[in-house]
Protein backbone atom coordinates (compact mmCIF):
# COMPACT_ATOMS: atom_id res chain seq x y z
CA UNK A 1 26.89 15.32 11.57
CA UNK A 2 24.71 18.11 9.99
CA UNK A 3 21.83 16.89 12.27
CA UNK A 4 23.62 17.31 15.27
CA UNK A 5 24.76 20.61 14.09
CA UNK A 6 21.20 21.83 13.33
CA UNK A 7 19.88 20.44 16.63
CA UNK A 8 22.49 22.18 18.86
CA UNK A 9 21.95 25.41 16.84
CA UNK A 10 17.93 25.34 17.52
CA UNK A 11 18.67 24.25 21.02
CA UNK A 12 20.91 27.31 21.53
CA UNK A 13 18.09 29.42 19.90
CA UNK A 14 15.12 28.05 21.48
CA UNK A 15 16.72 27.01 25.03
CA UNK A 16 14.57 23.72 24.94
CA UNK A 17 16.35 20.40 23.63
CA UNK A 18 13.00 18.72 23.34
CA UNK A 19 11.57 21.52 21.18
CA UNK A 20 14.71 21.61 19.29
CA UNK A 21 14.50 17.68 18.57
CA UNK A 22 10.74 18.01 17.69
CA UNK A 23 11.49 21.08 15.16
CA UNK A 24 14.54 19.07 13.70
CA UNK A 25 12.54 15.85 13.25
CA UNK A 26 9.46 17.68 11.53
CA UNK A 27 11.68 19.68 9.10
CA UNK A 28 13.40 16.35 8.28
CA UNK A 29 9.94 14.71 7.71
CA UNK A 30 9.25 17.62 5.33
CA UNK A 31 12.19 17.42 3.36
CA UNK A 32 11.84 13.73 3.07
CA UNK A 33 8.28 14.07 1.55
CA UNK A 34 9.40 16.57 -0.79
CA UNK A 35 12.61 15.30 -2.09
CA UNK A 36 13.40 11.77 -0.57
CA UNK A 37 10.26 9.42 0.14
CA UNK A 38 11.54 7.17 2.74
CA UNK A 39 8.86 7.99 5.21
CA UNK A 40 5.13 7.97 5.08
CA UNK A 41 3.15 11.41 4.64
CA UNK A 42 2.39 12.44 8.08
CA UNK A 43 -0.41 14.70 6.92
CA UNK A 44 -2.19 12.21 4.84
CA UNK A 45 -4.39 10.82 7.72
CA UNK A 46 -5.69 14.50 8.49
CA UNK A 47 -6.30 14.84 4.82
CA UNK A 48 -8.19 11.62 4.71
CA UNK A 49 -10.07 12.20 7.90
CA UNK A 50 -11.48 15.47 6.35
CA UNK A 51 -12.18 13.73 3.02
CA UNK A 52 -14.09 11.01 4.77
CA UNK A 53 -16.17 13.73 6.73
CA UNK A 54 -17.03 15.51 3.39
CA UNK A 55 -18.10 12.40 1.70
CA UNK A 56 -20.24 11.28 4.47
CA UNK A 57 -22.18 14.53 4.44
CA UNK A 58 -22.54 14.08 0.66
CA UNK A 59 -24.17 10.80 0.94
CA UNK A 60 -26.45 11.68 3.85
CA UNK A 61 -27.80 14.46 1.23
CA UNK A 62 -27.59 12.14 -1.79
CA UNK A 63 -27.95 8.43 -1.00
CA UNK A 64 -27.61 7.64 -4.67
CA UNK A 65 -24.11 9.08 -5.13
CA UNK A 66 -22.29 5.63 -5.79
CA UNK A 67 -19.05 7.45 -6.29
CA UNK A 68 -19.01 8.93 -3.01
CA UNK A 69 -19.61 5.32 -1.63
CA UNK A 70 -16.92 3.92 -3.75
CA UNK A 71 -14.45 6.56 -2.58
CA UNK A 72 -15.45 6.27 1.14
CA UNK A 73 -14.76 2.36 0.60
CA UNK A 74 -11.29 3.10 -0.57
CA UNK A 75 -10.34 5.64 2.03
CA UNK A 76 -11.75 3.41 4.92
CA UNK A 77 -9.57 0.80 3.50
CA UNK A 78 -6.51 2.77 3.60
CA UNK A 79 -7.30 3.80 7.20
CA UNK A 80 -7.33 -0.06 7.81
CA UNK A 81 -11.09 0.15 8.80
CA UNK A 82 -12.16 -2.78 6.81
CA UNK A 83 -15.70 -3.25 8.17
CA UNK A 84 -16.46 0.40 7.36
CA UNK A 85 -14.77 -0.16 3.84
CA UNK A 86 -16.78 -3.33 3.23
CA UNK A 87 -20.01 -1.74 4.19
CA UNK A 88 -19.52 1.27 1.73
CA UNK A 89 -18.02 -0.90 -1.26
CA UNK A 90 -20.90 -3.21 -1.05
CA UNK A 91 -23.54 -0.54 -1.86
CA UNK A 92 -21.73 0.20 -5.20
CA UNK A 93 -21.90 -3.16 -6.70
CA UNK A 94 -25.44 -2.75 -8.05
CA UNK A 95 -24.04 0.03 -10.37
CA UNK A 96 -20.42 -0.12 -10.32
CA UNK A 97 -19.99 -4.18 -10.36
CA UNK A 98 -18.14 -4.12 -13.96
CA UNK A 99 -15.36 -2.03 -12.42
CA UNK A 100 -12.21 -3.96 -11.47
CA UNK A 101 -10.98 -1.66 -8.71
CA UNK A 102 -14.53 -2.01 -6.89
CA UNK A 103 -13.83 -5.84 -6.65
CA UNK A 104 -9.99 -5.12 -5.82
CA UNK A 105 -10.97 -2.95 -3.07
CA UNK A 106 -13.72 -5.03 -1.72
CA UNK A 107 -11.66 -8.37 -2.04
CA UNK A 108 -8.62 -6.68 -0.10
CA UNK A 109 -11.04 -5.38 2.59
CA UNK A 110 -12.41 -9.07 3.01
CA UNK A 111 -9.05 -10.40 3.01
CA UNK A 112 -7.45 -8.10 5.47
CA UNK A 113 -10.86 -8.64 7.83
CA UNK A 114 -10.28 -12.34 7.84
CA UNK A 115 -12.71 -13.47 5.32
CA UNK A 116 -10.01 -14.81 2.88
CA UNK A 117 -12.10 -17.17 0.73
CA UNK A 118 -14.55 -14.36 0.18
CA UNK A 119 -11.80 -11.78 -0.50
CA UNK A 120 -10.13 -14.25 -2.95
CA UNK A 121 -13.14 -14.64 -5.00
CA UNK A 122 -13.43 -10.76 -5.33
CA UNK A 123 -9.63 -10.48 -6.18
CA UNK A 124 -10.17 -13.04 -8.93
CA UNK A 125 -13.12 -11.31 -10.25
CA UNK A 126 -11.08 -7.88 -10.26
CA UNK A 127 -8.10 -9.76 -12.16
CA UNK A 128 -10.74 -11.34 -14.67
CA UNK A 129 -11.91 -7.65 -15.49
CA UNK A 130 -8.38 -6.11 -15.60
CA UNK A 131 -5.07 -8.07 -14.99
CA UNK A 132 -3.36 -4.88 -14.28
CA UNK A 133 -5.79 -3.93 -11.42
CA UNK A 134 -3.94 -2.41 -8.51
CA UNK A 135 -0.59 -2.74 -10.20
CA UNK A 136 -0.20 -6.40 -9.15
CA UNK A 137 -1.65 -6.07 -5.68
CA UNK A 138 -4.32 -8.61 -5.81
CA UNK A 139 -1.70 -11.34 -6.70
CA UNK A 140 0.06 -10.52 -3.50
CA UNK A 141 -2.98 -11.80 -1.44
CA UNK A 142 -3.55 -14.61 -3.69
CA UNK A 143 0.06 -15.74 -3.32
CA UNK A 144 -0.24 -15.49 0.39
CA UNK A 145 -3.56 -17.44 0.33
CA UNK A 146 -1.80 -20.05 -2.07
CA UNK A 147 1.20 -20.54 0.24
CA UNK A 148 -0.74 -21.10 3.45
CA UNK A 149 -3.45 -23.42 1.75
CA UNK A 150 -2.70 -26.10 -1.01
CA UNK A 151 0.78 -24.74 -1.93
CA UNK A 152 0.37 -25.73 -5.59
CA UNK A 153 3.79 -24.89 -7.07
CA UNK A 154 2.24 -24.22 -10.69
CA UNK A 155 -0.27 -21.89 -9.16
CA UNK A 156 2.54 -19.97 -7.18
CA UNK A 157 4.57 -19.95 -10.26
CA UNK A 158 1.74 -18.36 -12.23
CA UNK A 159 1.07 -15.58 -9.32
CA UNK A 160 4.90 -14.86 -9.29
CA UNK A 161 4.85 -14.45 -13.18
CA UNK A 162 2.11 -11.89 -12.98
CA UNK A 163 3.65 -10.11 -9.95
CA UNK A 164 6.84 -9.62 -11.85
CA UNK A 165 5.06 -8.39 -14.99
CA UNK A 166 2.83 -5.90 -13.50
CA UNK A 167 4.29 -5.26 -10.02
CA UNK A 168 5.97 -1.89 -8.74
CA UNK A 169 9.06 -2.14 -6.15
CA UNK A 170 6.28 -2.17 -3.36
CA UNK A 171 4.66 -5.38 -4.95
CA UNK A 172 7.84 -7.10 -5.78
CA UNK A 173 8.90 -6.33 -2.05
CA UNK A 174 5.63 -7.60 -0.62
CA UNK A 175 5.99 -10.56 -2.66
CA UNK A 176 9.33 -11.13 -1.21
CA UNK A 177 7.96 -10.86 2.43
CA UNK A 178 5.13 -13.42 1.75
CA UNK A 179 7.76 -15.99 0.40
CA UNK A 180 10.31 -15.59 3.19
CA UNK A 181 9.08 -18.34 5.22
CA UNK A 182 8.27 -20.48 2.31
CA UNK A 183 11.00 -20.06 -0.28
CA UNK A 184 14.08 -17.86 1.03
CA UNK A 185 16.23 -18.05 -2.27
CA UNK A 186 13.22 -16.88 -4.33
CA UNK A 187 12.20 -14.20 -1.63
CA UNK A 188 15.68 -12.75 -1.98
CA UNK A 189 15.21 -12.93 -5.83
CA UNK A 190 12.03 -10.67 -5.56
CA UNK A 191 13.89 -8.36 -3.30
CA UNK A 192 16.77 -7.93 -5.77
CA UNK A 193 14.08 -7.39 -8.52
CA UNK A 194 12.35 -4.83 -6.45
CA UNK A 195 15.77 -2.76 -6.38
CA UNK A 196 16.21 -3.46 -9.83
CA UNK A 197 12.93 -1.99 -11.00
CA UNK A 198 13.56 1.05 -8.64
CA UNK A 199 16.87 1.90 -10.27
CA UNK A 200 15.47 1.57 -13.67
CA UNK A 201 12.51 4.21 -13.17
CA UNK A 202 12.63 7.90 -13.72
CA UNK A 203 13.17 10.37 -10.72
CA UNK A 204 9.54 10.79 -9.74
CA UNK A 205 8.98 6.92 -9.65
CA UNK A 206 12.22 6.48 -7.52
CA UNK A 207 11.03 9.08 -5.27
CA UNK A 208 7.68 7.14 -4.92
CA UNK A 209 9.11 3.62 -4.33
CA UNK A 210 12.41 4.72 -2.46
CA UNK A 211 11.03 3.16 0.84
CA UNK A 212 10.30 0.07 -0.68
CA UNK A 213 13.78 -0.38 -2.52
CA UNK A 214 15.34 0.50 0.99
CA UNK A 215 13.29 -2.05 2.74
CA UNK A 216 14.39 -4.60 0.14
CA UNK A 217 18.03 -3.87 0.71
CA UNK A 218 17.48 -4.18 4.49
CA UNK A 219 16.10 -7.68 4.06
CA UNK A 220 18.72 -8.82 1.68
CA UNK A 221 21.39 -7.69 4.36
CA UNK A 222 19.70 -10.64 6.80
């Protein structure tokens, strides 16, 4: 009801129903970003692009700046430009090969690029260096690979144990999605765990993960 009240108010003030709707949606997204957290940050792609441009200028001046290559690899991965991500991350291996997050980012980029075996090896290396890397996300890709290849129940069990141990509501939700067509009861259990983990967290944690708890609830309703 409040939405419609503000919509009609802006419509009367502006005399343009489409502009009124755009303003209401924009204001809601701002409020959501500040207090709720259900929707992605609409300004993030613009900040990411600006940061990428700045970092590319930096590496053109100083090609030895491996930290810039690492950040560029992570930003391109976030932007779903996996080839670019791999290109920059591979340049860091010589000096940063002992960093778990380098292997995690590279493994994720390879996996999403379709080079799943190569990606799995990098993800396993990341986990060997630090079992907590990526807050449990590497285990999601390894779980997906296992379910779609050998389906070894013991391996799946170990991966799910690690996801439950290190995972956030986002990771638990994503594990549930991976399991849906393989083991629906277990998938629903993961959705419930995502919601429970969300409820136990402090206020700022709930804001960050509210979207994933909401999606987990939606899947439990199906």
